[in-house]
PDB file of N, CA and C in Angstrom:
ATOM      1  N   MET A   1     -13.893  -5.972   4.940  1.00  0.00           N
ATOM      2  CA  MET A   1     -13.570  -4.112   5.143  1.00  0.00           C
ATOM      3  C   MET A   1     -14.092  -3.558   4.015  1.00  0.00           C
ATOM      4  N   GLU A   2     -14.677  -2.236   4.382  1.00  0.00           N
ATOM      5  CA  GLU A   2     -15.417  -1.277   3.911  1.00  0.00           C
ATOM      6  C   GLU A   2     -14.517  -0.780   2.797  1.00  0.00           C
ATOM      7  N   ASN A   3     -14.814  -0.576   1.734  1.00  0.00           N
ATOM      8  CA  ASN A   3     -14.037  -0.092   0.466  1.00  0.00           C
ATOM      9  C   ASN A   3     -13.800   1.279   1.181  1.00  0.00           C
ATOM     10  N   LYS A   4     -14.100   2.217   1.533  1.00  0.00           N
ATOM     11  CA  LYS A   4     -14.263   3.434   2.046  1.00  0.00           C
ATOM     12  C   LYS A   4     -12.935   3.798   2.997  1.00  0.00           C
ATOM     13  N   HIS A   5     -12.674   2.208   3.623  1.00  0.00           N
ATOM     14  CA  HIS A   5     -11.556   2.639   4.465  1.00  0.00           C
ATOM     15  C   HIS A   5     -10.357   1.489   3.977  1.00  0.00           C
ATOM     16  N   LYS A   6     -10.450   1.278   2.866  1.00  0.00           N
ATOM     17  CA  LYS A   6      -9.165   0.679   2.273  1.00  0.00           C
ATOM     18  C   LYS A   6      -8.260   1.508   1.693  1.00  0.00           C
ATOM     19  N   THR A   7      -7.052   1.243   1.469  1.00  0.00           N
ATOM     20  CA  THR A   7      -5.812   1.759   0.836  1.00  0.00           C
ATOM     21  C   THR A   7      -5.915   1.454  -0.416  1.00  0.00           C
ATOM     22  N   THR A   8      -4.956   2.255  -1.146  1.00  0.00           N
ATOM     23  CA  THR A   8      -4.754   1.999  -2.406  1.00  0.00           C
ATOM     24  C   THR A   8      -4.256   0.719  -2.445  1.00  0.00           C
ATOM     25  N   ILE A   9      -3.020   0.291  -1.855  1.00  0.00           N
ATOM     26  CA  ILE A   9      -2.587  -1.202  -1.679  1.00  0.00           C
ATOM     27  C   ILE A   9      -3.696  -2.096  -1.760  1.00  0.00           C
ATOM     28  N   ASP A  10      -4.534  -1.836  -0.965  1.00  0.00           N
ATOM     29  CA  ASP A  10      -5.701  -2.803  -0.582  1.00  0.00           C
ATOM     30  C   ASP A  10      -6.345  -2.822  -1.938  1.00  0.00           C
ATOM     31  N   ARG A  11      -6.845  -1.699  -2.720  1.00  0.00           N
ATOM     32  CA  ARG A  11      -7.555  -2.006  -3.783  1.00  0.00           C
ATOM     33  C   ARG A  11      -6.712  -2.355  -4.668  1.00  0.00           C
ATOM     34  N   LEU A  12      -5.684  -2.392  -4.906  1.00  0.00           N
ATOM     35  CA  LEU A  12      -4.799  -3.147  -5.844  1.00  0.00           C
ATOM     36  C   LEU A  12      -4.806  -4.446  -5.650  1.00  0.00           C
ATOM     37  N   ILE A  13      -4.750  -4.684  -4.514  1.00  0.00           N
ATOM     38  CA  ILE A  13      -4.759  -6.469  -4.264  1.00  0.00           C
ATOM     39  C   ILE A  13      -6.060  -6.706  -4.596  1.00  0.00           C
ATOM     40  N   ASP A  14      -7.369  -6.165  -4.371  1.00  0.00           N
ATOM     41  CA  ASP A  14      -8.439  -6.696  -4.817  1.00  0.00           C
ATOM     42  C   ASP A  14      -8.379  -6.775  -6.310  1.00  0.00           C
ATOM     43  N   PHE A  15      -7.925  -5.826  -6.946  1.00  0.00           N
ATOM     44  CA  PHE A  15      -7.799  -6.006  -8.390  1.00  0.00           C
ATOM     45  C   PHE A  15      -6.992  -7.227  -8.642  1.00  0.00           C
ATOM     46  N   MET A  16      -5.830  -7.547  -8.075  1.00  0.00           N
ATOM     47  CA  MET A  16      -4.861  -8.415  -8.270  1.00  0.00           C
ATOM     48  C   MET A  16      -5.755  -9.909  -8.298  1.00  0.00           C
ATOM     49  N   ASP A  17      -6.407  -9.852  -7.059  1.00  0.00           N
ATOM     50  CA  ASP A  17      -7.241 -10.924  -6.836  1.00  0.00           C
ATOM     51  C   ASP A  17      -8.443 -11.131  -8.315  1.00  0.00           C
ATOM     52  N   TYR A  18      -9.153 -10.194  -8.531  1.00  0.00           N
ATOM     53  CA  TYR A  18      -9.864 -10.385  -9.580  1.00  0.00           C
ATOM     54  C   TYR A  18      -9.363 -10.691 -11.080  1.00  0.00           C
ATOM     55  N   LYS A  19      -8.240 -10.216 -11.096  1.00  0.00           N
ATOM     56  CA  LYS A  19      -7.095 -10.642 -12.123  1.00  0.00           C
ATOM     57  C   LYS A  19      -6.292 -12.122 -12.058  1.00  0.00           C
ATOM     58  N   ASN A  20      -6.700 -12.643 -10.997  1.00  0.00           N
ATOM     59  CA  ASN A  20      -5.990 -13.934 -10.490  1.00  0.00           C
ATOM     60  C   ASN A  20      -4.429 -13.378 -10.779  1.00  0.00           C
ATOM     61  N   LEU A  21      -3.677 -12.324 -10.370  1.00  0.00           N
ATOM     62  CA  LEU A  21      -2.400 -12.039 -10.440  1.00  0.00           C
ATOM     63  C   LEU A  21      -1.796 -12.264  -9.314  1.00  0.00           C
ATOM     64  N   ASN A  22      -0.493 -12.955  -8.897  1.00  0.00           N
ATOM     65  CA  ASN A  22       0.643 -12.480  -7.717  1.00  0.00           C
ATOM     66  C   ASN A  22       0.988 -11.601  -7.984  1.00  0.00           C
ATOM     67  N   ASP A  23       1.681 -11.323  -6.681  1.00  0.00           N
ATOM     68  CA  ASP A  23       2.884 -10.141  -6.696  1.00  0.00           C
ATOM     69  C   ASP A  23       3.712 -10.116  -8.008  1.00  0.00           C
ATOM     70  N   ASN A  24       4.524 -11.323  -7.956  1.00  0.00           N
ATOM     71  CA  ASN A  24       5.573 -11.298  -8.946  1.00  0.00           C
ATOM     72  C   ASN A  24       5.007 -11.304 -10.632  1.00  0.00           C
ATOM     73  N   LYS A  25       4.004 -11.645 -10.741  1.00  0.00           N
ATOM     74  CA  LYS A  25       3.254 -11.814 -12.015  1.00  0.00           C
ATOM     75  C   LYS A  25       3.017 -10.169 -12.374  1.00  0.00           C
ATOM     76  N   LEU A  26       2.345  -9.735 -11.251  1.00  0.00           N
ATOM     77  CA  LEU A  26       2.213  -8.118 -11.687  1.00  0.00           C
ATOM     78  C   LEU A  26       3.331  -7.227 -11.604  1.00  0.00           C
ATOM     79  N   THR A  27       4.432  -7.661 -10.896  1.00  0.00           N
ATOM     80  CA  THR A  27       5.780  -6.818 -11.105  1.00  0.00           C
ATOM     81  C   THR A  27       6.131  -6.977 -12.520  1.00  0.00           C
ATOM     82  N   LYS A  28       6.078  -8.298 -12.699  1.00  0.00           N
ATOM     83  CA  LYS A  28       6.774  -8.280 -14.538  1.00  0.00           C
ATOM     84  C   LYS A  28       5.828  -7.621 -15.332  1.00  0.00           C
ATOM     85  N   LEU A  29       4.635  -8.063 -15.555  1.00  0.00           N
ATOM     86  CA  LEU A  29       3.626  -7.244 -16.422  1.00  0.00           C
ATOM     87  C   LEU A  29       3.755  -5.786 -16.295  1.00  0.00           C
ATOM     88  N   ALA A  30       3.820  -5.004 -15.336  1.00  0.00           N
ATOM     89  CA  ALA A  30       3.957  -3.730 -15.564  1.00  0.00           C
ATOM     90  C   ALA A  30       5.582  -3.337 -15.175  1.00  0.00           C
ATOM     91  N   ASN A  31       6.509  -4.128 -15.000  1.00  0.00           N
ATOM     92  CA  ASN A  31       7.859  -3.600 -14.803  1.00  0.00           C
ATOM     93  C   ASN A  31       8.045  -2.831 -14.060  1.00  0.00           C
ATOM     94  N   LEU A  32       8.054  -3.589 -12.924  1.00  0.00           N
ATOM     95  CA  LEU A  32       7.801  -2.681 -11.606  1.00  0.00           C
ATOM     96  C   LEU A  32       9.065  -3.506 -10.769  1.00  0.00           C
ATOM     97  N   SER A  33       9.597  -2.671  -9.750  1.00  0.00           N
ATOM     98  CA  SER A  33      11.023  -3.295  -9.038  1.00  0.00           C
ATOM     99  C   SER A  33      10.637  -4.393  -8.375  1.00  0.00           C
ATOM    100  N   VAL A  34      11.733  -5.463  -8.396  1.00  0.00           N
ATOM    101  CA  VAL A  34      11.345  -6.880  -7.869  1.00  0.00           C
ATOM    102  C   VAL A  34      11.181  -6.505  -6.371  1.00  0.00           C
ATOM    103  N   GLY A  35       9.915  -6.952  -5.834  1.00  0.00           N
ATOM    104  CA  GLY A  35       9.563  -6.854  -4.015  1.00  0.00           C
ATOM    105  C   GLY A  35       8.546  -5.655  -3.807  1.00  0.00           C
ATOM    106  N   LEU A  36       8.609  -4.941  -4.910  1.00  0.00           N
ATOM    107  CA  LEU A  36       7.662  -3.441  -4.408  1.00  0.00           C
ATOM    108  C   LEU A  36       6.270  -3.834  -3.733  1.00  0.00           C
ATOM    109  N   ILE A  37       5.639  -4.585  -4.920  1.00  0.00           N
ATOM    110  CA  ILE A  37       4.104  -4.838  -4.439  1.00  0.00           C
ATOM    111  C   ILE A  37       4.031  -5.643  -3.030  1.00  0.00           C
ATOM    112  N   GLY A  38       4.985  -6.777  -2.966  1.00  0.00           N
ATOM    113  CA  GLY A  38       5.261  -7.297  -1.453  1.00  0.00           C
ATOM    114  C   GLY A  38       5.637  -6.457  -0.398  1.00  0.00           C
ATOM    115  N   ARG A  39       6.427  -5.536  -0.568  1.00  0.00           N
ATOM    116  CA  ARG A  39       6.717  -4.215   0.587  1.00  0.00           C
ATOM    117  C   ARG A  39       5.456  -3.667   1.180  1.00  0.00           C
ATOM    118  N   ALA A  40       4.706  -3.034  -0.446  1.00  0.00           N
ATOM    119  CA  ALA A  40       3.854  -2.459  -0.126  1.00  0.00           C
ATOM    120  C   ALA A  40       2.584  -3.080   0.738  1.00  0.00           C
ATOM    121  N   ARG A  41       2.477  -4.232   0.498  1.00  0.00           N
ATOM    122  CA  ARG A  41       1.335  -5.177   1.112  1.00  0.00           C
ATOM    123  C   ARG A  41       1.719  -5.335   2.615  1.00  0.00           C
ATOM    124  N   ARG A  42       2.990  -5.726   2.825  1.00  0.00           N
ATOM    125  CA  ARG A  42       3.102  -5.852   4.175  1.00  0.00           C
ATOM    126  C   ARG A  42       3.106  -4.554   5.302  1.00  0.00           C
ATOM    127  N   ASN A  43       3.589  -3.630   4.503  1.00  0.00           N
ATOM    128  CA  ASN A  43       3.935  -2.396   5.151  1.00  0.00           C
ATOM    129  C   ASN A  43       2.499  -1.301   5.295  1.00  0.00           C
ATOM    130  N   LYS A  44       1.434  -1.801   4.224  1.00  0.00           N
ATOM    131  CA  LYS A  44       0.273  -1.096   4.100  1.00  0.00           C
ATOM    132  C   LYS A  44       0.780   0.030   3.638  1.00  0.00           C
ATOM    133  N   SER A  45       1.834   0.268   2.775  1.00  0.00           N
ATOM    134  CA  SER A  45       2.111   1.705   2.523  1.00  0.00           C
ATOM    135  C   SER A  45       1.451   2.170   1.036  1.00  0.00           C
ATOM    136  N   GLY A  46       1.630   3.249   0.744  1.00  0.00           N
ATOM    137  CA  GLY A  46       1.359   3.765  -0.733  1.00  0.00           C
ATOM    138  C   GLY A  46       2.078   3.078  -1.636  1.00  0.00           C
ATOM    139  N   LEU A  47       1.741   3.895  -2.752  1.00  0.00           N
ATOM    140  CA  LEU A  47       2.589   3.500  -3.783  1.00  0.00           C
ATOM    141  C   LEU A  47       2.984   4.761  -4.773  1.00  0.00           C
ATOM    142  N   HIS A  48       4.128   4.831  -5.216  1.00  0.00           N
ATOM    143  CA  HIS A  48       4.484   6.320  -5.768  1.00  0.00           C
ATOM    144  C   HIS A  48       3.804   6.092  -7.342  1.00  0.00           C
ATOM    145  N   THR A  49       3.461   7.444  -7.596  1.00  0.00           N
ATOM    146  CA  THR A  49       2.874   7.902  -8.928  1.00  0.00           C
ATOM    147  C   THR A  49       3.504   7.107  -9.995  1.00  0.00           C
ATOM    148  N   ASP A  50       4.682   6.810 -10.270  1.00  0.00           N
ATOM    149  CA  ASP A  50       5.305   6.415 -11.219  1.00  0.00           C
ATOM    150  C   ASP A  50       4.869   4.757 -11.016  1.00  0.00           C
ATOM    151  N   THR A  51       4.858   3.958  -9.820  1.00  0.00           N
ATOM    152  CA  THR A  51       4.446   2.919 -10.019  1.00  0.00           C
ATOM    153  C   THR A  51       2.902   2.559 -10.432  1.00  0.00           C
ATOM    154  N   ILE A  52       1.971   3.597 -10.146  1.00  0.00           N
ATOM    155  CA  ILE A  52       0.654   3.746 -10.255  1.00  0.00           C
ATOM    156  C   ILE A  52       0.475   4.068 -11.759  1.00  0.00           C
ATOM    157  N   GLU A  53       1.393   5.018 -12.480  1.00  0.00           N
ATOM    158  CA  GLU A  53       1.387   4.949 -13.890  1.00  0.00           C
ATOM    159  C   GLU A  53       1.515   3.705 -14.533  1.00  0.00           C
ATOM    160  N   LYS A  54       2.555   2.993 -14.286  1.00  0.00           N
ATOM    161  CA  LYS A  54       2.738   1.763 -15.106  1.00  0.00           C
ATOM    162  C   LYS A  54       1.738   0.728 -15.009  1.00  0.00           C
ATOM    163  N   ILE A  55       0.832   0.677 -13.393  1.00  0.00           N
ATOM    164  CA  ILE A  55       0.242  -0.300 -13.315  1.00  0.00           C
ATOM    165  C   ILE A  55      -1.051  -0.023 -14.218  1.00  0.00           C
ATOM    166  N   LEU A  56      -1.337   1.359 -14.423  1.00  0.00           N
ATOM    167  CA  LEU A  56      -2.563   1.984 -15.094  1.00  0.00           C
ATOM    168  C   LEU A  56      -2.379   1.544 -16.434  1.00  0.00           C
ATOM    169  N   HIS A  57      -1.103   1.819 -16.989  1.00  0.00           N
ATOM    170  CA  HIS A  57      -0.748   1.679 -18.386  1.00  0.00           C
ATOM    171  C   HIS A  57      -0.779   0.108 -18.798  1.00  0.00           C
ATOM    172  N   THR A  58      -0.374  -0.985 -17.903  1.00  0.00           N
ATOM    173  CA  THR A  58      -0.564  -2.111 -18.098  1.00  0.00           C
ATOM    174  C   THR A  58      -1.946  -2.779 -18.188  1.00  0.00           C
ATOM    175  N   PHE A  59      -2.470  -2.232 -17.142  1.00  0.00           N
ATOM    176  CA  PHE A  59      -4.188  -2.471 -17.337  1.00  0.00           C
ATOM    177  C   PHE A  59      -5.025  -1.527 -17.323  1.00  0.00           C
ATOM    178  N   PRO A  60      -5.341  -0.943 -18.565  1.00  0.00           N
ATOM    179  CA  PRO A  60      -5.992   0.326 -19.184  1.00  0.00           C
ATOM    180  C   PRO A  60      -7.610   0.253 -18.735  1.00  0.00           C
ATOM    181  N   GLU A  61      -7.927  -1.267 -17.973  1.00  0.00           N
ATOM    182  CA  GLU A  61      -9.333  -1.603 -17.806  1.00  0.00           C
ATOM    183  C   GLU A  61      -9.688  -0.823 -16.464  1.00  0.00           C
ATOM    184  N   LEU A  62      -8.420  -0.768 -15.652  1.00  0.00           N
ATOM    185  CA  LEU A  62      -8.540  -0.670 -14.140  1.00  0.00           C
ATOM    186  C   LEU A  62      -8.843   0.990 -13.927  1.00  0.00           C
ATOM    187  N   ASN A  63      -9.813   1.312 -13.325  1.00  0.00           N
ATOM    188  CA  ASN A  63     -10.250   2.548 -13.123  1.00  0.00           C
ATOM    189  C   ASN A  63      -9.460   3.560 -12.190  1.00  0.00           C
ATOM    190  N   PRO A  64      -8.705   4.449 -12.360  1.00  0.00           N
ATOM    191  CA  PRO A  64      -7.827   5.305 -11.633  1.00  0.00           C
ATOM    192  C   PRO A  64      -8.685   5.855 -10.471  1.00  0.00           C
ATOM    193  N   THR A  65      -9.631   6.090 -10.923  1.00  0.00           N
ATOM    194  CA  THR A  65     -10.593   6.749  -9.609  1.00  0.00           C
ATOM    195  C   THR A  65     -10.856   6.047  -8.641  1.00  0.00           C
ATOM    196  N   TRP A  66     -10.977   4.869  -8.720  1.00  0.00           N
ATOM    197  CA  TRP A  66     -11.375   3.500  -8.072  1.00  0.00           C
ATOM    198  C   TRP A  66     -10.112   3.274  -7.346  1.00  0.00           C
ATOM    199  N   LEU A  67      -9.049   2.969  -8.073  1.00  0.00           N
ATOM    200  CA  LEU A  67      -7.841   2.740  -7.783  1.00  0.00           C
ATOM    201  C   LEU A  67      -7.239   3.544  -6.370  1.00  0.00           C
ATOM    202  N   LEU A  68      -7.112   5.202  -6.651  1.00  0.00           N
ATOM    203  CA  LEU A  68      -6.726   5.951  -5.671  1.00  0.00           C
ATOM    204  C   LEU A  68      -7.723   6.463  -4.650  1.00  0.00           C
ATOM    205  N   THR A  69      -9.076   6.322  -4.674  1.00  0.00           N
ATOM    206  CA  THR A  69     -10.073   6.965  -3.853  1.00  0.00           C
ATOM    207  C   THR A  69     -10.938   6.092  -3.243  1.00  0.00           C
ATOM    208  N   GLY A  70     -11.203   4.802  -4.202  1.00  0.00           N
ATOM    209  CA  GLY A  70     -12.422   3.758  -3.656  1.00  0.00           C
ATOM    210  C   GLY A  70     -13.479   4.019  -4.364  1.00  0.00           C
ATOM    211  N   ASN A  71     -13.681   5.334  -5.133  1.00  0.00           N
ATOM    212  CA  ASN A  71     -15.032   5.777  -5.523  1.00  0.00           C
ATOM    213  C   ASN A  71     -15.022   5.184  -7.006  1.00  0.00           C
ATOM    214  N   GLY A  72     -16.466   4.959  -7.376  1.00  0.00           N
ATOM    215  CA  GLY A  72     -16.516   4.356  -8.649  1.00  0.00           C
ATOM    216  C   GLY A  72     -16.565   2.763  -8.950  1.00  0.00           C
ATOM    217  N   SER A  73     -16.416   2.242  -9.893  1.00  0.00           N
ATOM    218  CA  SER A  73     -16.339   0.718 -10.064  1.00  0.00           C
ATOM    219  C   SER A  73     -14.851   0.649 -10.263  1.00  0.00           C
ATOM    220  N   MET A  74     -14.396  -0.688 -10.183  1.00  0.00           N
ATOM    221  CA  MET A  74     -13.160  -1.178 -10.215  1.00  0.00           C
ATOM    222  C   MET A  74     -12.644  -1.168 -11.749  1.00  0.00           C
ATOM    223  N   LEU A  75     -13.817  -1.436 -12.452  1.00  0.00           N
ATOM    224  CA  LEU A  75     -13.163  -1.259 -14.044  1.00  0.00           C
ATOM    225  C   LEU A  75     -13.876  -0.419 -15.033  1.00  0.00           C
ATOM    226  N   LEU A  76     -13.222   0.298 -15.838  1.00  0.00           N
ATOM    227  CA  LEU A  76     -13.800   1.353 -16.436  1.00  0.00           C
ATOM    228  C   LEU A  76     -14.257   0.454 -17.934  1.00  0.00           C
ATOM    229  N   SER A  77     -15.703   1.220 -18.287  1.00  0.00           N
ATOM    230  CA  SER A  77     -16.381   0.491 -19.479  1.00  0.00           C
ATOM    231  C   SER A  77     -15.212   0.978 -20.557  1.00  0.00           C
ATOM    232  N   THR A  78     -15.403   0.023 -21.891  1.00  0.00           N
ATOM    233  CA  THR A  78     -14.643   0.160 -22.865  1.00  0.00           C
ATOM    234  C   THR A  78     -14.636   1.812 -23.184  1.00  0.00           C
ATOM    235  N   GLU A  79     -15.581   2.553 -23.628  1.00  0.00           N
ATOM    236  CA  GLU A  79     -15.611   3.922 -23.792  1.00  0.00           C
ATOM    237  C   GLU A  79     -14.948   5.076 -22.970  1.00  0.00           C
ATOM    238  N   ASP A  80     -14.934   4.462 -21.491  1.00  0.00           N
ATOM    239  CA  ASP A  80     -14.311   5.363 -20.561  1.00  0.00           C
ATOM    240  C   ASP A  80     -12.877   5.388 -20.679  1.00  0.00           C
ATOM    241  N   ASN A  81     -12.346   4.056 -21.042  1.00  0.00           N
ATOM    242  CA  ASN A  81     -10.763   4.271 -21.290  1.00  0.00           C
ATOM    243  C   ASN A  81     -10.299   5.188 -21.742  1.00  0.00           C
ATOM    244  N   VAL A  82      -9.430   6.324 -20.765  1.00  0.00           N
ATOM    245  CA  VAL A  82      -8.864   7.056 -21.168  1.00  0.00           C
ATOM    246  C   VAL A  82      -7.338   7.212 -21.087  1.00  0.00           C
ATOM    247  N   ILE A  83      -6.640   6.286 -21.101  1.00  0.00           N
ATOM    248  CA  ILE A  83      -5.440   5.919 -20.944  1.00  0.00           C
ATOM    249  C   ILE A  83      -4.522   4.993 -21.644  1.00  0.00           C
ATOM    250  N   PRO A  84      -4.649   5.578 -23.053  1.00  0.00           N
ATOM    251  CA  PRO A  84      -4.162   4.831 -24.437  1.00  0.00           C
ATOM    252  C   PRO A  84      -2.802   3.881 -23.976  1.00  0.00           C
ATOM    253  N   LYS A  85      -2.718   2.831 -24.294  1.00  0.00           N
ATOM    254  CA  LYS A  85      -1.264   2.185 -24.259  1.00  0.00           C
ATOM    255  C   LYS A  85      -0.098   2.764 -24.875  1.00  0.00           C
ATOM    256  N   SER A  86      -0.351   3.562 -25.834  1.00  0.00           N
ATOM    257  CA  SER A  86       0.348   4.158 -26.687  1.00  0.00           C
ATOM    258  C   SER A  86       1.397   5.479 -26.114  1.00  0.00           C
ATOM    259  N   ILE A  87       0.806   5.645 -24.905  1.00  0.00           N
ATOM    260  CA  ILE A  87       1.782   6.741 -24.403  1.00  0.00           C
ATOM    261  C   ILE A  87       2.885   6.259 -23.624  1.00  0.00           C
ATOM    262  N   PRO A  88       4.068   6.689 -23.794  1.00  0.00           N
ATOM    263  CA  PRO A  88       5.402   5.907 -23.442  1.00  0.00           C
ATOM    264  C   PRO A  88       5.457   6.445 -21.948  1.00  0.00           C
ATOM    265  N   LEU A  89       6.198   5.866 -21.205  1.00  0.00           N
ATOM    266  CA  LEU A  89       6.358   6.393 -19.943  1.00  0.00           C
ATOM    267  C   LEU A  89       7.716   7.295 -20.180  1.00  0.00           C
ATOM    268  N   ILE A  90       7.338   8.354 -19.489  1.00  0.00           N
ATOM    269  CA  ILE A  90       8.425   9.295 -19.627  1.00  0.00           C
ATOM    270  C   ILE A  90       9.298   9.366 -18.390  1.00  0.00           C
ATOM    271  N   LYS A  91      10.691   9.655 -18.580  1.00  0.00           N
ATOM    272  CA  LYS A  91      11.693  10.072 -17.451  1.00  0.00           C
ATOM    273  C   LYS A  91      12.074  11.252 -17.343  1.00  0.00           C
ATOM    274  N   ASN A  92      12.183  12.294 -18.112  1.00  0.00           N
ATOM    275  CA  ASN A  92      12.344  13.329 -17.913  1.00  0.00           C
ATOM    276  C   ASN A  92      11.342  14.358 -17.284  1.00  0.00           C
ATOM    277  N   SER A  93      11.891  14.796 -15.926  1.00  0.00           N
ATOM    278  CA  SER A  93      10.581  15.387 -14.952  1.00  0.00           C
ATOM    279  C   SER A  93      10.003  16.391 -15.783  1.00  0.00           C
ATOM    280  N   ASP A  94      10.434  17.427 -16.242  1.00  0.00           N
ATOM    281  CA  ASP A  94       9.479  18.479 -16.614  1.00  0.00           C
ATOM    282  C   ASP A  94       8.422  17.868 -17.844  1.00  0.00           C
ATOM    283  N   THR A  95       8.813  17.284 -18.766  1.00  0.00           N
ATOM    284  CA  THR A  95       8.047  16.375 -19.573  1.00  0.00           C
ATOM    285  C   THR A  95       7.063  15.410 -18.812  1.00  0.00           C
ATOM    286  N   PHE A  96       7.423  14.771 -17.518  1.00  0.00           N
ATOM    287  CA  PHE A  96       6.602  13.889 -16.824  1.00  0.00           C
ATOM    288  C   PHE A  96       5.677  14.667 -15.819  1.00  0.00           C
ATOM    289  N   ILE A  97       5.817  15.554 -15.412  1.00  0.00           N
ATOM    290  CA  ILE A  97       4.679  16.680 -14.921  1.00  0.00           C
ATOM    291  C   ILE A  97       3.841  17.244 -16.015  1.00  0.00           C
ATOM    292  N   ASP A  98       4.005  17.386 -17.179  1.00  0.00           N
ATOM    293  CA  ASP A  98       3.362  17.857 -18.026  1.00  0.00           C
ATOM    294  C   ASP A  98       2.283  16.605 -18.470  1.00  0.00           C
ATOM    295  N   GLU A  99       2.786  15.481 -18.679  1.00  0.00           N
ATOM    296  CA  GLU A  99       2.275  14.201 -18.686  1.00  0.00           C
ATOM    297  C   GLU A  99       1.041  13.817 -17.816  1.00  0.00           C
ATOM    298  N   ILE A 100       1.337  14.165 -16.228  1.00  0.00           N
ATOM    299  CA  ILE A 100       0.450  14.106 -15.126  1.00  0.00           C
ATOM    300  C   ILE A 100      -0.521  15.109 -15.295  1.00  0.00           C
ATOM    301  N   PHE A 101      -0.247  16.190 -15.854  1.00  0.00           N
ATOM    302  CA  PHE A 101      -1.435  17.292 -15.963  1.00  0.00           C
ATOM    303  C   PHE A 101      -2.466  16.788 -17.157  1.00  0.00           C
ATOM    304  N   THR A 102      -1.745  16.197 -17.956  1.00  0.00           N
ATOM    305  CA  THR A 102      -2.699  15.751 -19.214  1.00  0.00           C
ATOM    306  C   THR A 102      -3.693  14.630 -18.734  1.00  0.00           C
ATOM    307  N   THR A 103      -2.977  13.615 -17.983  1.00  0.00           N
ATOM    308  CA  THR A 103      -3.435  12.448 -17.462  1.00  0.00           C
ATOM    309  C   THR A 103      -4.949  13.099 -16.576  1.00  0.00           C
ATOM    310  N   GLN A 104      -4.348  13.999 -15.653  1.00  0.00           N
ATOM    311  CA  GLN A 104      -5.424  14.228 -14.830  1.00  0.00           C
ATOM    312  C   GLN A 104      -6.479  14.995 -15.699  1.00  0.00           C
ATOM    313  N   LYS A 105      -6.184  15.996 -16.470  1.00  0.00           N
ATOM    314  CA  LYS A 105      -7.174  16.396 -17.330  1.00  0.00           C
ATOM    315  C   LYS A 105      -8.213  15.401 -18.095  1.00  0.00           C
ATOM    316  N   ASP A 106      -7.593  14.246 -18.520  1.00  0.00           N
ATOM    317  CA  ASP A 106      -8.147  13.113 -19.146  1.00  0.00           C
ATOM    318  C   ASP A 106      -9.001  12.595 -18.347  1.00  0.00           C
ATOM    319  N   ILE A 107      -8.593  12.652 -17.172  1.00  0.00           N
ATOM    320  CA  ILE A 107      -9.448  11.887 -16.002  1.00  0.00           C
ATOM    321  C   ILE A 107     -10.784  12.665 -15.440  1.00  0.00           C
ATOM    322  N   ILE A 108     -10.400  14.194 -15.526  1.00  0.00           N
ATOM    323  CA  ILE A 108     -11.588  15.101 -15.249  1.00  0.00           C
ATOM    324  C   ILE A 108     -12.305  14.795 -16.244  1.00  0.00           C
ATOM    325  N   TYR A 109     -12.370  14.769 -17.363  1.00  0.00           N
ATOM    326  CA  TYR A 109     -12.959  14.798 -18.596  1.00  0.00           C
ATOM    327  C   TYR A 109     -13.809  13.390 -18.530  1.00  0.00           C
ATOM    328  N   MET A 110     -12.985  12.415 -18.288  1.00  0.00           N
ATOM    329  CA  MET A 110     -13.846  11.057 -18.371  1.00  0.00           C
ATOM    330  C   MET A 110     -14.651  11.164 -17.185  1.00  0.00           C
ATOM    331  N   LEU A 111     -14.932  11.917 -16.120  1.00  0.00           N
ATOM    332  CA  LEU A 111     -15.719  11.812 -15.085  1.00  0.00           C
ATOM    333  C   LEU A 111     -16.738  12.714 -15.380  1.00  0.00           C
ATOM    334  N   LYS A 112     -16.283  13.758 -15.912  1.00  0.00           N
ATOM    335  CA  LYS A 112     -17.468  14.923 -16.253  1.00  0.00           C
ATOM    336  C   LYS A 112     -18.528  14.453 -17.376  1.00  0.00           C
ATOM    337  N   LYS A 113     -17.773  13.616 -18.157  1.00  0.00           N
ATOM    338  CA  LYS A 113     -18.532  12.598 -19.032  1.00  0.00           C
ATOM    339  C   LYS A 113     -19.381  11.525 -18.475  1.00  0.00           C
ATOM    340  N   LYS A 114     -19.029  11.187 -17.400  1.00  0.00           N
ATOM    341  CA  LYS A 114     -19.660  10.231 -16.941  1.00  0.00           C
ATOM    342  C   LYS A 114     -20.758  10.491 -15.990  1.00  0.00           C
ATOM    343  N   TYR A 115     -20.535  11.775 -15.223  1.00  0.00           N
ATOM    344  CA  TYR A 115     -21.715  12.004 -14.148  1.00  0.00           C
ATOM    345  C   TYR A 115     -22.427  13.565 -14.806  1.00  0.00           C
ATOM    346  N   PHE A 116     -21.760  14.107 -15.843  1.00  0.00           N
ATOM    347  CA  PHE A 116     -22.399  15.322 -16.270  1.00  0.00           C
ATOM    348  C   PHE A 116     -22.528  15.122 -17.859  1.00  0.00           C
ATOM    349  N   LYS A 117     -23.773  15.890 -18.239  1.00  0.00           N
ATOM    350  CA  LYS A 117     -24.015  16.101 -19.861  1.00  0.00           C
ATOM    351  C   LYS A 117     -23.049  16.887 -20.441  1.00  0.00           C
ATOM    352  N   ILE A 118     -22.290  16.663 -21.007  1.00  0.00           N
ATOM    353  CA  ILE A 118     -21.248  17.416 -21.552  1.00  0.00           C
ATOM    354  C   ILE A 118     -21.101  17.415 -23.210  1.00  0.00           C
ATOM    355  N   GLU A 119     -21.033  18.234 -23.681  1.00  0.00           N
ATOM    356  CA  GLU A 119     -20.933  18.812 -25.189  1.00  0.00           C
ATOM    357  C   GLU A 119     -20.031  17.662 -25.963  1.00  0.00           C
ATOM    358  N   GLY A 120     -20.342  16.914 -26.588  1.00  0.00           N
ATOM    359  CA  GLY A 120     -19.436  15.877 -27.482  1.00  0.00           C
ATOM    360  C   GLY A 120     -19.769  14.297 -26.990  1.00  0.00           C
ATOM    361  N   SER A 121     -20.401  14.296 -25.868  1.00  0.00           N
ATOM    362  CA  SER A 121     -20.763  12.951 -25.155  1.00  0.00           C
ATOM    363  C   SER A 121     -21.639  12.098 -26.345  1.00  0.00           C
TER     364      SER A 121
END
């Protein structure tokens, strides 16, 4: 299957294969609901943002752009890693939305740094 036709769950399965993880192991490592990955796999359904956030926090080497769009490489280089493990998962909805915007800005900065010459690079 060509990468551009894959879904987010298809790409996550590719990453799981690369890391030699099964559904149960990923669920435990990322602190996900039991059966969530298996259901998404069977139904070819999408993943919620909180699930993606947990996965990206657990595997900071995983390229979020690749996971969501299929663009770029599966793994980030060490200097491109913009999702620090020290950021706690946030349950408060207002703060959570602010954190999403901050993460989006970080991803945009990382992409600009990678594809365009920007000051401070």
